[in-house]
């Protein structure tokens, strides 16, 4: 699908825009804090979060400028972020919970227990939430935006952190081996992999390409 992959790194504290779905970096900038963990894209703006300060940041477009920030709903374990088309989702590894925000605000519409104990990454694919757990080395397919898990499979490496969905394929990244993996569709099979922009990749999101409107002129005949 047309667009660009974004990743973040908790050691370099940077956010990276990849060229399409490749290892090539188009641009990068410093994150709004240290120990970056999650990324999301709402169709216009990038979102990121910071683990130790438990803050969630809304960027102005795809830049380092922050338009607003608020405390995450968990205790001290901000991890993955995703956007479902209308609402932000976050997860917390300390409370072991997944949270649906009301729009892009700190207000929580609903929350539920993560399927395991160290939830680390989220993405929204079609009509369903996906999560991953870095302690269990597992990726979970939820039924809709609920705690019900319809399928699971092992991540491609040992410490999965971030997830993204490009409209056709799942992406995951691993903290320890600093690899980003493109899955074949929504399966455990891996199409390709490459090193992240930094040294310890933690968050992923997919920036969809802006829609191009074409105008076909017409001629009025006298």
N, C-alpha and C. Protein backbone atom coordinates (compact mmCIF):
# COMPACT_ATOMS: atom_id res chain seq x y z
N UNK A 1 0.85 -1.20 0.00
CA UNK A 1 0.00 0.00 0.00
C UNK A 1 0.88 1.24 0.00
N UNK A 2 0.46 2.27 -0.74
CA UNK A 2 1.26 3.49 -0.81
C UNK A 2 1.32 4.17 0.55
N UNK A 3 2.48 4.71 0.86
CA UNK A 3 2.67 5.40 2.13
C UNK A 3 4.06 5.14 2.66
N UNK A 4 4.27 5.45 3.93
CA UNK A 4 5.59 5.29 4.54
C UNK A 4 5.47 4.68 5.93
N UNK A 5 6.41 3.84 6.24
CA UNK A 5 6.54 3.29 7.58
C UNK A 5 7.26 4.30 8.47
N UNK A 6 6.84 4.40 9.72
CA UNK A 6 7.53 5.20 10.73
C UNK A 6 7.94 4.28 11.87
N UNK A 7 9.09 4.56 12.45
CA UNK A 7 9.55 3.79 13.61
C UNK A 7 10.16 4.74 14.64
N UNK A 8 10.26 4.25 15.85
CA UNK A 8 10.95 5.03 16.89
C UNK A 8 11.89 4.11 17.65
N UNK A 9 12.82 4.71 18.36
CA UNK A 9 13.88 3.96 19.01
C UNK A 9 14.10 4.51 20.42
N UNK A 10 14.10 3.64 21.41
CA UNK A 10 14.21 4.10 22.79
C UNK A 10 15.64 4.42 23.22
N UNK A 11 16.63 4.00 22.45
CA UNK A 11 18.02 4.31 22.79
C UNK A 11 18.48 5.61 22.15
N UNK A 12 18.13 5.82 20.88
CA UNK A 12 18.52 7.06 20.21
C UNK A 12 17.52 8.18 20.49
N UNK A 13 16.33 7.81 21.02
CA UNK A 13 15.26 8.79 21.29
C UNK A 13 14.89 9.56 20.02
N UNK A 14 14.85 8.85 18.90
CA UNK A 14 14.51 9.47 17.63
C UNK A 14 13.32 8.78 16.99
N UNK A 15 12.64 9.55 16.13
CA UNK A 15 11.54 9.05 15.32
C UNK A 15 12.00 9.10 13.87
N UNK A 16 11.76 8.01 13.14
CA UNK A 16 12.26 7.85 11.79
C UNK A 16 11.12 7.67 10.79
N UNK A 17 11.18 8.42 9.69
CA UNK A 17 10.28 8.17 8.57
C UNK A 17 11.05 7.37 7.53
N UNK A 18 10.55 6.18 7.23
CA UNK A 18 11.17 5.34 6.22
C UNK A 18 10.63 5.71 4.84
N UNK A 19 11.39 5.41 3.83
CA UNK A 19 10.96 5.62 2.45
C UNK A 19 10.14 4.41 2.05
N UNK A 20 8.82 4.60 2.02
CA UNK A 20 7.94 3.47 1.78
C UNK A 20 8.08 2.46 2.90
N UNK A 21 8.18 1.20 2.54
CA UNK A 21 8.39 0.16 3.54
C UNK A 21 9.78 -0.41 3.43
N UNK A 22 10.78 0.47 3.51
CA UNK A 22 12.18 0.06 3.34
C UNK A 22 13.04 0.53 4.51
N UNK A 23 14.28 0.08 4.51
CA UNK A 23 15.23 0.51 5.54
C UNK A 23 15.72 1.93 5.32
N UNK A 24 15.55 2.45 4.12
CA UNK A 24 16.01 3.80 3.80
C UNK A 24 15.23 4.83 4.62
N UNK A 25 15.94 5.77 5.23
CA UNK A 25 15.33 6.80 6.07
C UNK A 25 15.20 8.10 5.29
N UNK A 26 13.96 8.58 5.17
CA UNK A 26 13.70 9.84 4.48
C UNK A 26 14.04 11.02 5.38
N UNK A 27 13.60 10.94 6.62
CA UNK A 27 13.86 12.01 7.59
C UNK A 27 13.79 11.43 8.98
N UNK A 28 14.38 12.14 9.94
CA UNK A 28 14.30 11.73 11.34
C UNK A 28 14.37 12.97 12.21
N UNK A 29 13.83 12.86 13.41
CA UNK A 29 13.91 13.96 14.36
C UNK A 29 13.84 13.41 15.78
N UNK A 30 14.28 14.24 16.72
CA UNK A 30 14.26 13.84 18.13
C UNK A 30 12.83 13.71 18.62
N UNK A 31 12.59 12.69 19.40
CA UNK A 31 11.28 12.52 20.01
C UNK A 31 11.05 13.54 21.11
N UNK A 32 9.81 13.65 21.59
CA UNK A 32 9.50 14.66 22.61
C UNK A 32 10.01 14.32 24.00
N UNK A 33 10.56 13.16 24.18
CA UNK A 33 11.12 12.77 25.47
C UNK A 33 12.08 11.62 25.27
N UNK A 34 12.48 11.02 26.36
CA UNK A 34 13.36 9.86 26.29
C UNK A 34 12.55 8.58 26.45
N UNK A 35 13.16 7.47 26.08
CA UNK A 35 12.54 6.16 26.21
C UNK A 35 11.22 6.08 25.43
N UNK A 36 11.28 6.43 24.14
CA UNK A 36 10.11 6.38 23.27
C UNK A 36 9.63 4.93 23.13
N UNK A 37 8.31 4.75 23.10
CA UNK A 37 7.78 3.40 23.02
C UNK A 37 6.76 3.18 21.90
N UNK A 38 5.84 4.11 21.67
CA UNK A 38 4.77 3.85 20.72
C UNK A 38 4.60 4.96 19.71
N UNK A 39 4.01 4.61 18.54
CA UNK A 39 3.68 5.57 17.50
C UNK A 39 2.29 5.25 16.96
N UNK A 40 1.59 6.29 16.51
CA UNK A 40 0.31 6.13 15.82
C UNK A 40 0.18 7.26 14.81
N UNK A 41 -0.69 7.06 13.84
CA UNK A 41 -0.95 8.07 12.81
C UNK A 41 -2.45 8.16 12.62
N UNK A 42 -3.01 9.37 12.76
CA UNK A 42 -4.46 9.53 12.73
C UNK A 42 -4.99 9.99 11.37
N UNK A 43 -4.15 9.95 10.37
CA UNK A 43 -4.53 10.41 9.04
C UNK A 43 -3.99 11.79 8.73
N UNK A 44 -3.63 12.54 9.78
CA UNK A 44 -3.05 13.87 9.63
C UNK A 44 -1.83 14.05 10.52
N UNK A 45 -1.94 13.58 11.74
CA UNK A 45 -0.91 13.83 12.75
C UNK A 45 -0.28 12.54 13.27
N UNK A 46 0.97 12.65 13.61
CA UNK A 46 1.69 11.58 14.28
C UNK A 46 1.45 11.68 15.78
N UNK A 47 1.39 10.55 16.45
CA UNK A 47 1.31 10.48 17.91
C UNK A 47 2.49 9.67 18.42
N UNK A 48 3.01 10.04 19.56
CA UNK A 48 4.08 9.25 20.18
C UNK A 48 3.87 9.24 21.68
N UNK A 49 4.59 8.39 22.37
CA UNK A 49 4.51 8.41 23.83
C UNK A 49 5.87 8.16 24.44
N UNK A 50 5.93 8.39 25.72
CA UNK A 50 7.18 8.35 26.47
C UNK A 50 6.94 7.51 27.71
N UNK A 51 7.80 6.54 27.92
CA UNK A 51 7.58 5.52 28.94
C UNK A 51 7.69 6.06 30.38
N UNK A 52 8.81 6.69 30.69
CA UNK A 52 9.08 7.02 32.09
C UNK A 52 8.24 8.17 32.62
N UNK A 53 7.86 9.12 31.75
CA UNK A 53 7.01 10.22 32.19
C UNK A 53 5.52 9.92 31.99
N UNK A 54 5.22 8.78 31.38
CA UNK A 54 3.85 8.35 31.14
C UNK A 54 3.06 9.42 30.40
N UNK A 55 3.65 9.99 29.35
CA UNK A 55 2.98 11.04 28.58
C UNK A 55 2.73 10.57 27.15
N UNK A 56 1.60 11.03 26.60
CA UNK A 56 1.24 10.79 25.21
C UNK A 56 1.26 12.14 24.49
N UNK A 57 1.90 12.20 23.33
CA UNK A 57 2.10 13.45 22.60
C UNK A 57 1.40 13.41 21.24
N UNK A 58 0.72 14.48 20.91
CA UNK A 58 0.18 14.67 19.57
C UNK A 58 1.08 15.66 18.83
N UNK A 59 1.61 15.22 17.70
CA UNK A 59 2.48 16.06 16.90
C UNK A 59 1.65 16.91 15.94
N UNK A 60 2.23 18.00 15.49
CA UNK A 60 1.61 18.82 14.44
C UNK A 60 2.00 18.22 13.09
N UNK A 61 1.07 17.53 12.48
CA UNK A 61 1.37 16.85 11.24
C UNK A 61 2.41 15.78 11.46
N UNK A 62 3.40 15.74 10.61
CA UNK A 62 4.46 14.74 10.67
C UNK A 62 5.78 15.40 11.06
N UNK A 63 5.72 16.22 12.10
CA UNK A 63 6.88 16.99 12.54
C UNK A 63 7.18 16.73 14.01
N UNK A 64 8.26 17.30 14.47
CA UNK A 64 8.63 17.17 15.89
C UNK A 64 7.85 18.13 16.78
N UNK A 65 7.16 19.10 16.18
CA UNK A 65 6.38 20.07 16.97
C UNK A 65 5.21 19.37 17.66
N UNK A 66 5.04 19.63 18.93
CA UNK A 66 3.97 19.02 19.72
C UNK A 66 2.82 20.00 19.89
N UNK A 67 1.62 19.58 19.50
CA UNK A 67 0.45 20.45 19.63
C UNK A 67 -0.25 20.27 20.96
N UNK A 68 -0.17 19.07 21.53
CA UNK A 68 -0.76 18.83 22.85
C UNK A 68 -0.17 17.57 23.44
N UNK A 69 -0.32 17.42 24.73
CA UNK A 69 0.13 16.20 25.40
C UNK A 69 -0.74 15.97 26.63
N UNK A 70 -0.81 14.73 27.05
CA UNK A 70 -1.56 14.40 28.26
C UNK A 70 -1.01 13.12 28.86
N UNK A 71 -1.32 12.88 30.12
CA UNK A 71 -0.82 11.69 30.81
C UNK A 71 -1.53 10.45 30.29
N UNK A 72 -0.76 9.39 30.14
CA UNK A 72 -1.36 8.12 29.77
C UNK A 72 -2.19 7.57 30.92
N UNK A 73 -3.11 6.66 30.64
CA UNK A 73 -4.04 6.19 31.67
C UNK A 73 -3.46 5.15 32.61
N UNK A 74 -2.25 4.64 32.28
CA UNK A 74 -1.68 3.59 33.10
C UNK A 74 -0.89 4.12 34.28
N UNK A 75 -0.05 3.26 34.83
CA UNK A 75 0.69 3.59 36.04
C UNK A 75 2.08 4.16 35.74
N UNK A 76 2.88 3.42 35.03
CA UNK A 76 4.21 3.89 34.65
C UNK A 76 4.75 3.00 33.53
N UNK A 77 3.91 2.68 32.57
CA UNK A 77 4.34 1.73 31.57
C UNK A 77 3.77 1.97 30.19
N UNK A 78 3.70 3.25 29.77
CA UNK A 78 3.24 3.56 28.41
C UNK A 78 3.99 2.72 27.38
N UNK A 79 3.22 2.05 26.51
CA UNK A 79 3.86 1.25 25.48
C UNK A 79 3.27 1.59 24.11
N UNK A 80 2.53 0.67 23.50
CA UNK A 80 2.06 0.86 22.14
C UNK A 80 0.92 1.84 21.99
N UNK A 81 0.79 2.40 20.77
CA UNK A 81 -0.31 3.28 20.40
C UNK A 81 -0.85 2.83 19.04
N UNK A 82 -2.13 3.12 18.81
CA UNK A 82 -2.69 2.96 17.47
C UNK A 82 -3.92 3.84 17.35
N UNK A 83 -4.38 4.00 16.12
CA UNK A 83 -5.56 4.83 15.81
C UNK A 83 -6.54 3.96 15.03
N UNK A 84 -7.82 3.94 15.45
CA UNK A 84 -8.78 3.04 14.80
C UNK A 84 -9.63 3.73 13.73
N UNK A 85 -9.28 4.96 13.39
CA UNK A 85 -10.05 5.74 12.44
C UNK A 85 -10.82 6.84 13.10
N UNK A 86 -11.07 6.70 14.40
CA UNK A 86 -11.78 7.73 15.15
C UNK A 86 -11.21 7.95 16.54
N UNK A 87 -10.54 6.94 17.09
CA UNK A 87 -10.07 7.00 18.47
C UNK A 87 -8.64 6.49 18.60
N UNK A 88 -7.94 7.08 19.55
CA UNK A 88 -6.61 6.61 19.92
C UNK A 88 -6.74 5.43 20.87
N UNK A 89 -5.83 4.48 20.74
CA UNK A 89 -5.71 3.38 21.69
C UNK A 89 -4.30 3.41 22.28
N UNK A 90 -4.19 3.04 23.55
CA UNK A 90 -2.88 2.93 24.19
C UNK A 90 -2.85 1.67 25.06
N UNK A 91 -1.66 1.29 25.45
CA UNK A 91 -1.54 0.14 26.35
C UNK A 91 -0.45 0.42 27.37
N UNK A 92 -0.53 -0.31 28.46
CA UNK A 92 0.37 -0.07 29.59
C UNK A 92 0.88 -1.40 30.11
N UNK A 93 2.20 -1.56 30.16
CA UNK A 93 2.80 -2.83 30.56
C UNK A 93 2.78 -3.04 32.07
N UNK A 94 2.60 -1.97 32.83
CA UNK A 94 2.56 -2.11 34.28
C UNK A 94 1.17 -2.53 34.76
N UNK A 95 0.13 -1.91 34.19
CA UNK A 95 -1.23 -2.28 34.57
C UNK A 95 -1.74 -3.47 33.75
N UNK A 96 -1.01 -3.83 32.69
CA UNK A 96 -1.40 -4.91 31.78
C UNK A 96 -2.78 -4.67 31.19
N UNK A 97 -3.02 -3.42 30.78
CA UNK A 97 -4.31 -3.05 30.22
C UNK A 97 -4.17 -2.38 28.87
N UNK A 98 -5.25 -2.49 28.09
CA UNK A 98 -5.39 -1.81 26.81
C UNK A 98 -6.53 -0.81 26.95
N UNK A 99 -6.31 0.42 26.48
CA UNK A 99 -7.27 1.51 26.68
C UNK A 99 -7.72 2.09 25.35
N UNK A 100 -9.03 2.30 25.21
CA UNK A 100 -9.57 3.06 24.09
C UNK A 100 -9.88 4.46 24.58
N UNK A 101 -9.24 5.44 23.97
CA UNK A 101 -9.48 6.83 24.31
C UNK A 101 -10.70 7.36 23.56
N UNK A 102 -11.26 8.41 24.08
CA UNK A 102 -12.36 9.08 23.40
C UNK A 102 -11.76 10.08 22.42
N UNK A 103 -11.79 9.72 21.14
CA UNK A 103 -11.11 10.55 20.15
C UNK A 103 -9.63 10.59 20.45
N UNK A 104 -9.06 11.78 20.37
CA UNK A 104 -7.64 11.94 20.69
C UNK A 104 -7.47 12.68 22.00
N UNK A 105 -8.13 12.20 23.04
CA UNK A 105 -8.09 12.85 24.35
C UNK A 105 -7.63 11.88 25.42
N UNK A 106 -7.44 12.41 26.62
CA UNK A 106 -7.07 11.58 27.76
C UNK A 106 -8.24 10.78 28.30
N UNK A 107 -9.47 11.16 27.94
CA UNK A 107 -10.65 10.45 28.42
C UNK A 107 -10.66 9.02 27.89
N UNK A 108 -11.05 8.08 28.74
CA UNK A 108 -11.07 6.67 28.38
C UNK A 108 -12.51 6.21 28.17
N UNK A 109 -12.78 5.67 26.99
CA UNK A 109 -14.10 5.14 26.67
C UNK A 109 -14.27 3.75 27.27
N UNK A 110 -13.23 2.93 27.10
CA UNK A 110 -13.26 1.57 27.64
C UNK A 110 -11.84 1.07 27.85
N UNK A 111 -11.71 0.06 28.68
CA UNK A 111 -10.41 -0.58 28.89
C UNK A 111 -10.64 -2.04 29.24
N UNK A 112 -9.62 -2.85 28.99
CA UNK A 112 -9.72 -4.27 29.34
C UNK A 112 -8.32 -4.83 29.51
N UNK A 113 -8.26 -5.98 30.17
CA UNK A 113 -6.98 -6.62 30.43
C UNK A 113 -6.36 -7.11 29.13
N UNK A 114 -5.06 -6.91 28.99
CA UNK A 114 -4.32 -7.43 27.85
C UNK A 114 -4.29 -8.95 27.93
N UNK A 115 -4.10 -9.64 26.80
CA UNK A 115 -4.12 -11.10 26.83
C UNK A 115 -2.94 -11.75 27.55
N UNK A 116 -1.91 -10.97 27.87
CA UNK A 116 -0.80 -11.50 28.63
C UNK A 116 -0.31 -10.43 29.59
N UNK A 117 0.90 -10.55 30.09
CA UNK A 117 1.32 -9.71 31.20
C UNK A 117 2.23 -8.54 30.84
N UNK A 118 2.79 -8.51 29.63
CA UNK A 118 3.70 -7.43 29.25
C UNK A 118 3.33 -6.92 27.86
N UNK A 119 2.14 -6.33 27.76
CA UNK A 119 1.66 -5.81 26.48
C UNK A 119 2.59 -4.70 26.01
N UNK A 120 2.95 -4.74 24.72
CA UNK A 120 3.96 -3.79 24.25
C UNK A 120 3.60 -3.05 22.98
N UNK A 121 2.80 -3.64 22.10
CA UNK A 121 2.50 -2.99 20.83
C UNK A 121 1.05 -3.15 20.44
N UNK A 122 0.54 -2.17 19.67
CA UNK A 122 -0.83 -2.19 19.19
C UNK A 122 -0.87 -1.76 17.73
N UNK A 123 -1.83 -2.29 16.99
CA UNK A 123 -2.19 -1.73 15.70
C UNK A 123 -3.63 -2.07 15.41
N UNK A 124 -4.25 -1.29 14.54
CA UNK A 124 -5.62 -1.53 14.11
C UNK A 124 -5.58 -1.96 12.66
N UNK A 125 -6.16 -3.12 12.37
CA UNK A 125 -6.16 -3.66 11.01
C UNK A 125 -7.58 -3.98 10.59
N UNK A 126 -8.10 -3.19 9.66
CA UNK A 126 -9.48 -3.40 9.23
C UNK A 126 -10.45 -3.06 10.34
N UNK A 127 -11.10 -4.08 10.88
CA UNK A 127 -12.07 -3.88 11.96
C UNK A 127 -11.58 -4.40 13.30
N UNK A 128 -10.31 -4.81 13.36
CA UNK A 128 -9.83 -5.50 14.56
C UNK A 128 -8.55 -4.89 15.12
N UNK A 129 -8.44 -5.01 16.43
CA UNK A 129 -7.23 -4.63 17.15
C UNK A 129 -6.26 -5.79 17.15
N UNK A 130 -4.97 -5.47 17.06
CA UNK A 130 -3.91 -6.45 17.23
C UNK A 130 -3.00 -5.96 18.34
N UNK A 131 -2.48 -6.88 19.13
CA UNK A 131 -1.53 -6.50 20.19
C UNK A 131 -0.38 -7.50 20.22
N UNK A 132 0.69 -7.13 20.88
CA UNK A 132 1.81 -8.03 21.06
C UNK A 132 2.33 -7.94 22.48
N UNK A 133 3.00 -8.97 22.92
CA UNK A 133 3.51 -9.07 24.28
C UNK A 133 4.98 -9.44 24.23
N UNK A 134 5.83 -8.59 24.83
CA UNK A 134 7.26 -8.84 24.72
C UNK A 134 7.76 -9.90 25.71
N UNK A 135 6.93 -10.26 26.67
CA UNK A 135 7.32 -11.33 27.58
C UNK A 135 6.98 -12.70 27.03
N UNK A 136 5.86 -12.79 26.31
CA UNK A 136 5.40 -14.07 25.76
C UNK A 136 5.83 -14.29 24.31
N UNK A 137 6.44 -13.26 23.68
CA UNK A 137 6.89 -13.39 22.29
C UNK A 137 5.73 -13.78 21.38
N UNK A 138 4.58 -13.12 21.58
CA UNK A 138 3.35 -13.52 20.89
C UNK A 138 2.63 -12.30 20.33
N UNK A 139 2.00 -12.49 19.18
CA UNK A 139 1.14 -11.48 18.56
C UNK A 139 -0.30 -11.98 18.62
N UNK A 140 -1.21 -11.11 19.04
CA UNK A 140 -2.61 -11.47 19.28
C UNK A 140 -3.54 -10.72 18.33
N UNK A 141 -4.49 -11.44 17.74
CA UNK A 141 -5.54 -10.87 16.91
C UNK A 141 -6.81 -10.82 17.75
N UNK A 142 -7.27 -9.62 18.07
CA UNK A 142 -8.48 -9.44 18.86
C UNK A 142 -9.71 -9.45 17.94
N UNK A 143 -10.84 -9.75 18.53
CA UNK A 143 -12.10 -9.65 17.81
C UNK A 143 -12.64 -8.24 18.00
N UNK A 144 -12.61 -7.45 16.93
CA UNK A 144 -12.99 -6.04 17.06
C UNK A 144 -12.07 -5.35 18.04
N UNK A 145 -12.64 -4.44 18.83
CA UNK A 145 -11.86 -3.75 19.86
C UNK A 145 -12.19 -4.31 21.23
N UNK A 146 -12.04 -5.62 21.37
CA UNK A 146 -12.39 -6.29 22.62
C UNK A 146 -11.22 -7.12 23.14
N UNK A 147 -11.40 -7.68 24.33
CA UNK A 147 -10.38 -8.53 24.93
C UNK A 147 -10.39 -9.93 24.34
N UNK A 148 -11.44 -10.27 23.59
CA UNK A 148 -11.52 -11.60 22.99
C UNK A 148 -10.44 -11.78 21.93
N UNK A 149 -9.69 -12.84 22.04
CA UNK A 149 -8.60 -13.11 21.09
C UNK A 149 -9.04 -14.23 20.14
N UNK A 150 -9.02 -13.92 18.85
CA UNK A 150 -9.47 -14.89 17.86
C UNK A 150 -8.33 -15.74 17.30
N UNK A 151 -7.10 -15.24 17.38
CA UNK A 151 -5.95 -16.00 16.88
C UNK A 151 -4.67 -15.47 17.50
N UNK A 152 -3.66 -16.30 17.56
CA UNK A 152 -2.33 -15.90 18.04
C UNK A 152 -1.27 -16.57 17.20
N UNK A 153 -0.09 -15.96 17.14
CA UNK A 153 1.07 -16.64 16.58
C UNK A 153 2.34 -16.03 17.17
N UNK A 154 3.43 -16.77 17.09
CA UNK A 154 4.70 -16.32 17.64
C UNK A 154 5.24 -15.18 16.80
N UNK A 155 5.87 -14.21 17.46
CA UNK A 155 6.52 -13.12 16.73
C UNK A 155 7.77 -13.67 16.04
N UNK A 156 8.31 -12.95 15.06
CA UNK A 156 9.47 -13.48 14.33
C UNK A 156 10.77 -13.46 15.11
N UNK A 157 10.81 -12.81 16.27
CA UNK A 157 12.01 -12.81 17.09
C UNK A 157 11.62 -12.85 18.56
N UNK A 158 12.53 -12.53 19.44
CA UNK A 158 12.30 -12.80 20.86
C UNK A 158 11.65 -11.73 21.69
N UNK A 159 11.75 -10.45 21.29
CA UNK A 159 11.23 -9.37 22.13
C UNK A 159 10.43 -8.39 21.25
N UNK A 160 9.22 -8.76 20.84
CA UNK A 160 8.42 -7.89 19.97
C UNK A 160 7.91 -6.67 20.72
N UNK A 161 8.02 -5.51 20.08
CA UNK A 161 7.54 -4.28 20.71
C UNK A 161 6.46 -3.60 19.88
N UNK A 162 6.77 -3.17 18.67
CA UNK A 162 5.84 -2.37 17.88
C UNK A 162 5.10 -3.17 16.84
N UNK A 163 3.90 -2.67 16.48
CA UNK A 163 3.10 -3.24 15.41
C UNK A 163 2.60 -2.11 14.52
N UNK A 164 2.38 -2.42 13.24
CA UNK A 164 1.76 -1.47 12.31
C UNK A 164 1.02 -2.27 11.25
N UNK A 165 0.12 -1.60 10.54
CA UNK A 165 -0.64 -2.23 9.46
C UNK A 165 -0.69 -1.26 8.30
N UNK A 166 -0.30 -1.73 7.11
CA UNK A 166 -0.21 -0.84 5.95
C UNK A 166 -1.42 -0.90 5.02
N UNK A 167 -2.47 -1.57 5.48
CA UNK A 167 -3.66 -1.73 4.66
C UNK A 167 -3.74 -3.09 4.02
N UNK A 168 -2.62 -3.80 4.01
CA UNK A 168 -2.58 -5.15 3.46
C UNK A 168 -1.74 -6.11 4.30
N UNK A 169 -0.69 -5.57 4.92
CA UNK A 169 0.25 -6.42 5.65
C UNK A 169 0.52 -5.89 7.06
N UNK A 170 0.75 -6.82 7.96
CA UNK A 170 1.17 -6.51 9.31
C UNK A 170 2.67 -6.27 9.33
N UNK A 171 3.11 -5.35 10.19
CA UNK A 171 4.53 -5.12 10.43
C UNK A 171 4.78 -5.27 11.93
N UNK A 172 5.95 -5.77 12.28
CA UNK A 172 6.34 -5.83 13.69
C UNK A 172 7.81 -5.47 13.82
N UNK A 173 8.20 -5.10 15.01
CA UNK A 173 9.62 -4.81 15.25
C UNK A 173 10.05 -5.46 16.54
N UNK A 174 11.32 -5.75 16.63
CA UNK A 174 11.87 -6.43 17.79
C UNK A 174 12.93 -5.55 18.46
N UNK A 175 12.80 -5.41 19.76
CA UNK A 175 13.68 -4.53 20.53
C UNK A 175 15.12 -5.05 20.58
N UNK A 176 15.28 -6.35 20.78
CA UNK A 176 16.62 -6.89 20.99
C UNK A 176 17.43 -6.99 19.72
N UNK A 177 16.84 -7.53 18.65
CA UNK A 177 17.63 -7.67 17.43
C UNK A 177 17.53 -6.44 16.53
N UNK A 178 16.73 -5.43 16.95
CA UNK A 178 16.57 -4.17 16.20
C UNK A 178 16.19 -4.43 14.75
N UNK A 179 15.28 -5.36 14.56
CA UNK A 179 14.81 -5.68 13.22
C UNK A 179 13.34 -5.26 13.07
N UNK A 180 13.01 -4.84 11.85
CA UNK A 180 11.63 -4.56 11.47
C UNK A 180 11.22 -5.63 10.47
N UNK A 181 10.07 -6.24 10.70
CA UNK A 181 9.60 -7.36 9.89
C UNK A 181 8.30 -7.00 9.18
N UNK A 182 8.25 -7.30 7.89
CA UNK A 182 7.01 -7.19 7.13
C UNK A 182 6.42 -8.59 7.01
N UNK A 183 5.20 -8.74 7.53
CA UNK A 183 4.52 -10.03 7.47
C UNK A 183 3.78 -10.17 6.14
N UNK A 184 3.50 -11.39 5.79
CA UNK A 184 2.70 -11.66 4.60
C UNK A 184 1.24 -11.60 5.01
N UNK A 185 0.57 -10.52 4.62
CA UNK A 185 -0.80 -10.32 5.08
C UNK A 185 -0.84 -10.20 6.59
N UNK A 186 -1.76 -10.91 7.20
CA UNK A 186 -1.91 -10.89 8.65
C UNK A 186 -1.52 -12.25 9.22
N UNK A 187 -0.34 -12.71 8.83
CA UNK A 187 0.14 -14.03 9.24
C UNK A 187 1.52 -13.93 9.86
N UNK A 188 2.00 -15.06 10.35
CA UNK A 188 3.34 -15.11 10.93
C UNK A 188 4.44 -15.19 9.88
N UNK A 189 4.07 -15.49 8.63
CA UNK A 189 5.07 -15.58 7.56
C UNK A 189 5.70 -14.21 7.30
N UNK A 190 7.00 -14.18 7.10
CA UNK A 190 7.73 -12.93 6.91
C UNK A 190 8.13 -12.77 5.45
N UNK A 191 7.74 -11.63 4.88
CA UNK A 191 8.09 -11.31 3.49
C UNK A 191 9.51 -10.75 3.40
N UNK A 192 9.82 -9.84 4.32
CA UNK A 192 11.14 -9.21 4.31
C UNK A 192 11.43 -8.66 5.70
N UNK A 193 12.69 -8.35 5.96
CA UNK A 193 13.07 -7.73 7.22
C UNK A 193 14.30 -6.87 6.99
N UNK A 194 14.47 -5.87 7.86
CA UNK A 194 15.64 -5.00 7.77
C UNK A 194 15.88 -4.34 9.12
N UNK A 195 17.05 -3.77 9.30
CA UNK A 195 17.40 -3.12 10.56
C UNK A 195 16.64 -1.83 10.74
N UNK A 196 16.28 -1.52 11.98
CA UNK A 196 15.62 -0.26 12.30
C UNK A 196 16.58 0.90 12.16
N UNK A 197 16.05 2.11 12.24
CA UNK A 197 16.88 3.30 12.05
C UNK A 197 17.86 3.54 13.17
N UNK A 198 17.57 3.04 14.36
CA UNK A 198 18.45 3.24 15.50
C UNK A 198 19.11 1.94 15.92
N UNK A 199 19.05 1.67 17.22
CA UNK A 199 19.66 0.44 17.74
C UNK A 199 18.68 -0.47 18.47
N UNK A 200 17.55 0.11 18.94
CA UNK A 200 16.54 -0.67 19.67
C UNK A 200 15.14 -0.18 19.27
N UNK A 201 14.62 -0.73 18.19
CA UNK A 201 13.31 -0.30 17.69
C UNK A 201 12.20 -0.68 18.66
N UNK A 202 11.29 0.27 18.90
CA UNK A 202 10.22 0.03 19.86
C UNK A 202 8.82 0.29 19.32
N UNK A 203 8.65 1.26 18.45
CA UNK A 203 7.31 1.60 17.97
C UNK A 203 7.25 1.69 16.47
N UNK A 204 6.06 1.38 15.92
CA UNK A 204 5.84 1.45 14.48
C UNK A 204 4.47 2.07 14.20
N UNK A 205 4.34 2.72 13.06
CA UNK A 205 3.04 3.10 12.53
C UNK A 205 3.19 3.27 11.02
N UNK A 206 2.07 3.27 10.32
CA UNK A 206 2.07 3.43 8.87
C UNK A 206 1.37 4.73 8.51
N UNK A 207 2.06 5.56 7.76
CA UNK A 207 1.51 6.82 7.25
C UNK A 207 0.93 6.56 5.87
N UNK A 208 -0.37 6.60 5.76
CA UNK A 208 -0.99 6.38 4.46
C UNK A 208 -0.74 7.57 3.55
N UNK A 209 -0.59 7.29 2.27
CA UNK A 209 -0.35 8.35 1.31
C UNK A 209 -1.59 9.22 1.18
N UNK A 210 -1.36 10.51 1.02
CA UNK A 210 -2.47 11.45 0.86
C UNK A 210 -3.21 11.14 -0.43
N UNK A 211 -4.53 11.22 -0.35
CA UNK A 211 -5.34 10.97 -1.54
C UNK A 211 -5.11 12.07 -2.57
N UNK A 212 -5.02 11.68 -3.81
CA UNK A 212 -4.81 12.64 -4.90
C UNK A 212 -6.13 12.81 -5.65
N UNK A 213 -6.62 14.03 -5.68
CA UNK A 213 -7.86 14.31 -6.39
C UNK A 213 -7.55 14.78 -7.79
N UNK A 214 -8.09 14.10 -8.77
CA UNK A 214 -7.87 14.51 -10.16
C UNK A 214 -9.08 15.25 -10.67
N UNK A 215 -8.83 16.22 -11.51
CA UNK A 215 -9.91 17.02 -12.09
C UNK A 215 -9.89 16.87 -13.59
N UNK A 216 -10.99 16.45 -14.12
CA UNK A 216 -11.10 16.30 -15.57
C UNK A 216 -11.90 17.46 -16.12
N UNK A 217 -11.26 18.34 -16.88
CA UNK A 217 -11.98 19.49 -17.41
C UNK A 217 -13.03 19.05 -18.42
N UNK A 218 -14.06 19.83 -18.52
CA UNK A 218 -15.07 19.53 -19.54
C UNK A 218 -15.29 20.78 -20.39
N UNK A 219 -15.75 20.54 -21.57
CA UNK A 219 -15.94 21.63 -22.53
C UNK A 219 -17.44 21.80 -22.81
N UNK A 220 -17.89 23.01 -22.66
CA UNK A 220 -19.28 23.32 -22.99
C UNK A 220 -19.35 23.75 -24.45
N UNK A 221 -20.07 22.99 -25.22
CA UNK A 221 -20.20 23.29 -26.63
C UNK A 221 -21.37 24.27 -26.86
N UNK A 222 -21.12 25.30 -27.61
CA UNK A 222 -22.19 26.27 -27.90
C UNK A 222 -23.24 25.62 -28.82
